[in-house]
């Protein structure tokens, strides 16, 4: 069963990849989104992409992943206004950076907290 989670007030939907729940329902032309890859309930990678389905498939080739959280920030909305699209992309950048700093995933090298 898919569940949701909130990071920084943003809803994320969880997909359990071990049970092969369909994450292929995501279209090919989504708006940019943020995702968090997990293994044994620990965040191992945070990223952003337009092509979520292809990106998750490529991560599965070289990472052991059992869950993925995908942000629900206007995932299927088309922006006719360039300014709104630009603001959306800035929100995605900030969210990704903050998730990396707070979750400290092992495969991310940029934006990590200094220890």
N, C-alpha and C. Protein backbone atom coordinates (compact mmCIF):
# COMPACT_ATOMS: atom_id res chain seq x y z
N UNK A 1 0.84 -1.18 0.00
CA UNK A 1 0.00 0.00 0.00
C UNK A 1 0.89 1.24 0.00
N UNK A 2 0.57 2.17 -0.84
CA UNK A 2 1.33 3.42 -0.91
C UNK A 2 0.88 4.35 0.21
N UNK A 3 1.81 5.02 0.82
CA UNK A 3 1.49 5.97 1.89
C UNK A 3 2.13 7.30 1.55
N UNK A 4 1.73 8.34 2.29
CA UNK A 4 2.35 9.64 2.05
C UNK A 4 3.17 10.07 3.25
N UNK A 5 3.97 11.07 3.00
CA UNK A 5 4.88 11.61 3.99
C UNK A 5 5.00 13.09 3.70
N UNK A 6 5.30 13.87 4.72
CA UNK A 6 5.51 15.31 4.51
C UNK A 6 6.93 15.66 4.88
N UNK A 7 7.61 16.37 4.00
CA UNK A 7 8.89 16.99 4.27
C UNK A 7 8.70 18.48 4.03
N UNK A 8 9.01 19.30 5.01
CA UNK A 8 8.93 20.76 4.88
C UNK A 8 7.56 21.21 4.37
N UNK A 9 6.52 20.51 4.78
CA UNK A 9 5.16 20.86 4.39
C UNK A 9 4.76 20.41 3.00
N UNK A 10 5.64 19.69 2.32
CA UNK A 10 5.36 19.19 0.96
C UNK A 10 4.97 17.72 1.07
N UNK A 11 3.88 17.34 0.42
CA UNK A 11 3.45 15.94 0.41
C UNK A 11 4.31 15.12 -0.54
N UNK A 12 4.71 13.95 -0.07
CA UNK A 12 5.42 12.97 -0.89
C UNK A 12 4.61 11.69 -0.86
N UNK A 13 4.54 11.00 -1.97
CA UNK A 13 3.89 9.70 -2.00
C UNK A 13 4.95 8.63 -2.01
N UNK A 14 4.74 7.58 -1.24
CA UNK A 14 5.71 6.49 -1.14
C UNK A 14 5.33 5.35 -2.07
N UNK A 15 6.33 4.83 -2.75
CA UNK A 15 6.15 3.64 -3.58
C UNK A 15 7.08 2.57 -3.06
N UNK A 16 6.51 1.41 -2.76
CA UNK A 16 7.28 0.28 -2.25
C UNK A 16 7.76 -0.53 -3.46
N UNK A 17 9.04 -0.44 -3.77
CA UNK A 17 9.57 -1.09 -4.97
C UNK A 17 9.78 -2.58 -4.78
N UNK A 18 9.95 -3.04 -3.54
CA UNK A 18 10.13 -4.48 -3.30
C UNK A 18 8.86 -5.25 -3.68
N UNK A 19 7.71 -4.62 -3.46
CA UNK A 19 6.44 -5.26 -3.82
C UNK A 19 6.02 -4.92 -5.24
N UNK A 20 6.90 -4.23 -5.96
CA UNK A 20 6.67 -3.87 -7.36
C UNK A 20 5.38 -3.10 -7.59
N UNK A 21 5.02 -2.26 -6.61
CA UNK A 21 3.88 -1.39 -6.85
C UNK A 21 4.21 -0.50 -8.04
N UNK A 22 3.22 -0.22 -8.86
CA UNK A 22 3.50 0.46 -10.13
C UNK A 22 3.88 1.92 -9.97
N UNK A 23 5.14 2.21 -10.22
CA UNK A 23 5.56 3.60 -10.32
C UNK A 23 5.61 3.98 -11.79
N UNK A 24 5.23 3.06 -12.66
CA UNK A 24 5.23 3.35 -14.09
C UNK A 24 4.03 4.18 -14.51
N UNK A 25 3.13 4.48 -13.58
CA UNK A 25 1.99 5.32 -13.89
C UNK A 25 2.37 6.76 -14.15
N UNK A 26 3.61 7.13 -13.83
CA UNK A 26 4.05 8.48 -14.09
C UNK A 26 4.33 8.65 -15.57
N UNK A 27 3.78 9.71 -16.13
CA UNK A 27 3.93 9.95 -17.56
C UNK A 27 5.35 10.33 -17.95
N UNK A 28 5.57 10.42 -19.22
CA UNK A 28 6.90 10.72 -19.74
C UNK A 28 7.21 12.22 -19.68
N UNK A 29 6.21 13.08 -19.62
CA UNK A 29 6.44 14.52 -19.70
C UNK A 29 5.97 15.25 -18.44
N UNK A 30 6.30 14.73 -17.30
CA UNK A 30 5.94 15.37 -16.05
C UNK A 30 6.72 16.66 -15.89
N UNK A 31 6.20 17.51 -15.01
CA UNK A 31 6.95 18.69 -14.61
C UNK A 31 8.01 18.22 -13.63
N UNK A 32 9.07 18.98 -13.45
CA UNK A 32 10.18 18.59 -12.58
C UNK A 32 9.68 18.29 -11.17
N UNK A 33 10.21 17.24 -10.57
CA UNK A 33 9.82 16.82 -9.23
C UNK A 33 11.04 16.38 -8.44
N UNK A 34 10.89 16.26 -7.13
CA UNK A 34 11.95 15.80 -6.24
C UNK A 34 11.60 14.40 -5.78
N UNK A 35 12.62 13.57 -5.65
CA UNK A 35 12.39 12.20 -5.17
C UNK A 35 13.46 11.84 -4.15
N UNK A 36 13.10 10.91 -3.26
CA UNK A 36 14.01 10.41 -2.23
C UNK A 36 14.04 8.90 -2.36
N UNK A 37 15.24 8.33 -2.54
CA UNK A 37 15.40 6.88 -2.61
C UNK A 37 15.76 6.36 -1.23
N UNK A 38 15.16 5.23 -0.85
CA UNK A 38 15.42 4.64 0.46
C UNK A 38 15.83 3.18 0.34
N UNK A 39 16.64 2.76 1.28
CA UNK A 39 16.99 1.35 1.45
C UNK A 39 16.95 1.09 2.96
N UNK A 40 16.17 0.12 3.37
CA UNK A 40 15.98 -0.20 4.79
C UNK A 40 15.58 1.04 5.59
N UNK A 41 14.64 1.80 5.05
CA UNK A 41 14.09 3.01 5.68
C UNK A 41 15.12 4.10 5.93
N UNK A 42 16.21 4.08 5.20
CA UNK A 42 17.23 5.13 5.31
C UNK A 42 17.38 5.78 3.93
N UNK A 43 17.33 7.11 3.92
CA UNK A 43 17.50 7.85 2.67
C UNK A 43 18.91 7.63 2.15
N UNK A 44 19.02 7.19 0.89
CA UNK A 44 20.34 6.97 0.30
C UNK A 44 20.63 7.95 -0.83
N UNK A 45 19.58 8.59 -1.37
CA UNK A 45 19.79 9.55 -2.46
C UNK A 45 18.58 10.46 -2.57
N UNK A 46 18.84 11.73 -2.85
CA UNK A 46 17.79 12.72 -3.13
C UNK A 46 18.12 13.33 -4.48
N UNK A 47 17.13 13.44 -5.35
CA UNK A 47 17.37 14.02 -6.65
C UNK A 47 16.14 14.72 -7.19
N UNK A 48 16.30 15.30 -8.35
CA UNK A 48 15.19 15.94 -9.05
C UNK A 48 15.25 15.55 -10.51
N UNK A 49 14.09 15.45 -11.12
CA UNK A 49 14.03 15.04 -12.52
C UNK A 49 12.69 15.43 -13.13
N UNK A 50 12.67 15.44 -14.43
CA UNK A 50 11.42 15.59 -15.17
C UNK A 50 10.87 14.21 -15.51
N UNK A 51 11.78 13.27 -15.78
CA UNK A 51 11.39 11.93 -16.23
C UNK A 51 11.55 10.94 -15.09
N UNK A 52 10.62 10.96 -14.14
CA UNK A 52 10.74 10.18 -12.90
C UNK A 52 10.84 8.69 -13.17
N UNK A 53 10.05 8.18 -14.06
CA UNK A 53 10.05 6.74 -14.33
C UNK A 53 11.43 6.28 -14.82
N UNK A 54 11.98 6.98 -15.80
CA UNK A 54 13.29 6.61 -16.34
C UNK A 54 14.39 6.77 -15.30
N UNK A 55 14.29 7.82 -14.50
CA UNK A 55 15.34 8.08 -13.50
C UNK A 55 15.37 6.99 -12.43
N UNK A 56 14.21 6.58 -11.96
CA UNK A 56 14.16 5.51 -10.95
C UNK A 56 14.69 4.21 -11.54
N UNK A 57 14.33 3.92 -12.77
CA UNK A 57 14.83 2.70 -13.41
C UNK A 57 16.35 2.73 -13.51
N UNK A 58 16.93 3.88 -13.83
CA UNK A 58 18.39 3.95 -13.94
C UNK A 58 19.06 3.81 -12.57
N UNK A 59 18.46 4.36 -11.52
CA UNK A 59 19.02 4.20 -10.17
C UNK A 59 18.99 2.74 -9.73
N UNK A 60 17.96 2.02 -10.12
CA UNK A 60 17.83 0.62 -9.70
C UNK A 60 18.93 -0.27 -10.30
N UNK A 61 19.59 0.21 -11.34
CA UNK A 61 20.66 -0.57 -11.94
C UNK A 61 21.90 -0.63 -11.06
N UNK A 62 22.13 0.42 -10.24
CA UNK A 62 23.36 0.44 -9.46
C UNK A 62 23.17 0.76 -7.97
N UNK A 63 21.93 0.80 -7.51
CA UNK A 63 21.66 1.04 -6.10
C UNK A 63 20.61 0.05 -5.61
N UNK A 64 20.75 -0.37 -4.37
CA UNK A 64 19.75 -1.24 -3.75
C UNK A 64 18.68 -0.34 -3.14
N UNK A 65 17.53 -0.30 -3.77
CA UNK A 65 16.44 0.60 -3.38
C UNK A 65 15.21 -0.23 -3.07
N UNK A 66 14.57 0.06 -1.94
CA UNK A 66 13.32 -0.64 -1.67
C UNK A 66 12.10 0.28 -1.65
N UNK A 67 12.34 1.59 -1.49
CA UNK A 67 11.23 2.56 -1.51
C UNK A 67 11.69 3.83 -2.20
N UNK A 68 10.71 4.54 -2.72
CA UNK A 68 10.98 5.87 -3.27
C UNK A 68 9.83 6.78 -2.84
N UNK A 69 10.19 7.99 -2.44
CA UNK A 69 9.20 9.03 -2.15
C UNK A 69 9.30 10.06 -3.26
N UNK A 70 8.14 10.40 -3.84
CA UNK A 70 8.08 11.36 -4.94
C UNK A 70 7.20 12.53 -4.51
N UNK A 71 7.73 13.74 -4.67
CA UNK A 71 6.98 14.93 -4.25
C UNK A 71 5.73 15.09 -5.10
N UNK A 72 4.73 15.66 -4.49
CA UNK A 72 3.47 15.92 -5.18
C UNK A 72 3.31 17.41 -5.47
N UNK A 73 4.39 18.06 -5.86
CA UNK A 73 4.33 19.49 -6.18
C UNK A 73 3.92 19.64 -7.64
N UNK A 74 2.65 19.77 -7.90
CA UNK A 74 2.15 20.01 -9.25
C UNK A 74 2.77 19.07 -10.28
N UNK A 75 2.87 17.79 -9.95
CA UNK A 75 3.57 16.85 -10.81
C UNK A 75 3.03 16.78 -12.23
N UNK A 76 1.75 17.00 -12.40
CA UNK A 76 1.17 16.83 -13.72
C UNK A 76 0.62 18.12 -14.29
N UNK A 77 1.01 19.24 -13.71
CA UNK A 77 0.51 20.54 -14.15
C UNK A 77 1.40 21.07 -15.27
N UNK A 78 0.76 21.60 -16.29
CA UNK A 78 1.49 22.28 -17.37
C UNK A 78 1.46 23.77 -17.11
N UNK A 79 2.60 24.41 -17.21
CA UNK A 79 2.69 25.85 -16.98
C UNK A 79 2.75 26.57 -18.32
N UNK A 80 1.77 27.44 -18.54
CA UNK A 80 1.77 28.28 -19.74
C UNK A 80 2.57 29.55 -19.51
N UNK A 81 2.73 29.92 -18.25
CA UNK A 81 3.43 31.15 -17.89
C UNK A 81 4.86 30.79 -17.47
N UNK A 82 5.84 31.37 -18.15
CA UNK A 82 7.25 31.09 -17.88
C UNK A 82 7.62 31.45 -16.44
N UNK A 83 7.08 32.55 -15.91
CA UNK A 83 7.40 32.98 -14.55
C UNK A 83 6.95 31.94 -13.52
N UNK A 84 5.79 31.35 -13.72
CA UNK A 84 5.31 30.32 -12.80
C UNK A 84 6.18 29.07 -12.89
N UNK A 85 6.59 28.71 -14.09
CA UNK A 85 7.47 27.56 -14.27
C UNK A 85 8.82 27.81 -13.59
N UNK A 86 9.36 29.01 -13.75
CA UNK A 86 10.62 29.38 -13.12
C UNK A 86 10.51 29.28 -11.60
N UNK A 87 9.42 29.78 -11.01
CA UNK A 87 9.21 29.70 -9.57
C UNK A 87 9.11 28.24 -9.12
N UNK A 88 8.43 27.42 -9.90
CA UNK A 88 8.32 26.00 -9.59
C UNK A 88 9.72 25.36 -9.54
N UNK A 89 10.55 25.65 -10.52
CA UNK A 89 11.90 25.09 -10.57
C UNK A 89 12.74 25.57 -9.39
N UNK A 90 12.57 26.82 -8.97
CA UNK A 90 13.30 27.32 -7.80
C UNK A 90 12.86 26.58 -6.53
N UNK A 91 11.56 26.33 -6.39
CA UNK A 91 11.05 25.58 -5.23
C UNK A 91 11.65 24.18 -5.22
N UNK A 92 11.70 23.54 -6.38
CA UNK A 92 12.28 22.19 -6.49
C UNK A 92 13.75 22.22 -6.07
N UNK A 93 14.50 23.19 -6.54
CA UNK A 93 15.92 23.31 -6.17
C UNK A 93 16.10 23.47 -4.66
N UNK A 94 15.30 24.33 -4.06
CA UNK A 94 15.40 24.58 -2.62
C UNK A 94 15.00 23.33 -1.84
N UNK A 95 13.93 22.67 -2.25
CA UNK A 95 13.49 21.45 -1.57
C UNK A 95 14.55 20.37 -1.64
N UNK A 96 15.13 20.15 -2.81
CA UNK A 96 16.17 19.14 -2.96
C UNK A 96 17.35 19.45 -2.05
N UNK A 97 17.80 20.68 -2.06
CA UNK A 97 18.96 21.08 -1.24
C UNK A 97 18.67 20.85 0.25
N UNK A 98 17.49 21.25 0.71
CA UNK A 98 17.15 21.08 2.12
C UNK A 98 17.00 19.61 2.51
N UNK A 99 16.46 18.81 1.63
CA UNK A 99 16.35 17.37 1.91
C UNK A 99 17.74 16.74 2.04
N UNK A 100 18.64 17.10 1.15
CA UNK A 100 20.00 16.56 1.21
C UNK A 100 20.67 16.96 2.52
N UNK A 101 20.52 18.20 2.90
CA UNK A 101 21.15 18.67 4.14
C UNK A 101 20.56 17.99 5.36
N UNK A 102 19.26 17.73 5.36
CA UNK A 102 18.62 17.15 6.53
C UNK A 102 18.68 15.63 6.58
N UNK A 103 18.63 14.98 5.43
CA UNK A 103 18.63 13.52 5.41
C UNK A 103 20.03 12.93 5.27
N UNK A 104 20.97 13.72 4.76
CA UNK A 104 22.36 13.31 4.59
C UNK A 104 22.51 11.95 3.88
N UNK A 105 21.92 11.81 2.70
CA UNK A 105 21.99 10.52 1.99
C UNK A 105 23.40 10.22 1.50
N UNK A 106 23.76 8.94 1.55
CA UNK A 106 25.16 8.57 1.28
C UNK A 106 25.60 8.81 -0.16
N UNK A 107 24.70 8.76 -1.14
CA UNK A 107 25.10 8.93 -2.54
C UNK A 107 25.09 10.38 -3.02
N UNK A 108 24.61 11.32 -2.21
CA UNK A 108 24.66 12.73 -2.59
C UNK A 108 25.97 13.33 -2.09
N UNK A 109 26.63 14.08 -2.95
CA UNK A 109 27.88 14.72 -2.53
C UNK A 109 27.71 16.23 -2.40
N UNK A 110 26.82 16.84 -3.15
CA UNK A 110 26.59 18.27 -3.07
C UNK A 110 25.57 18.58 -1.98
N UNK A 111 25.64 19.75 -1.44
CA UNK A 111 24.66 20.31 -0.49
C UNK A 111 24.65 19.61 0.87
N UNK A 112 25.60 18.72 1.14
CA UNK A 112 25.61 18.05 2.45
C UNK A 112 26.03 19.02 3.54
N UNK A 113 25.55 18.73 4.74
CA UNK A 113 25.97 19.51 5.91
C UNK A 113 27.45 19.26 6.17
N UNK A 114 28.14 20.29 6.55
CA UNK A 114 29.53 20.13 6.96
C UNK A 114 29.54 19.55 8.37
N UNK A 115 30.38 18.55 8.58
CA UNK A 115 30.39 17.90 9.89
C UNK A 115 31.63 18.18 10.65
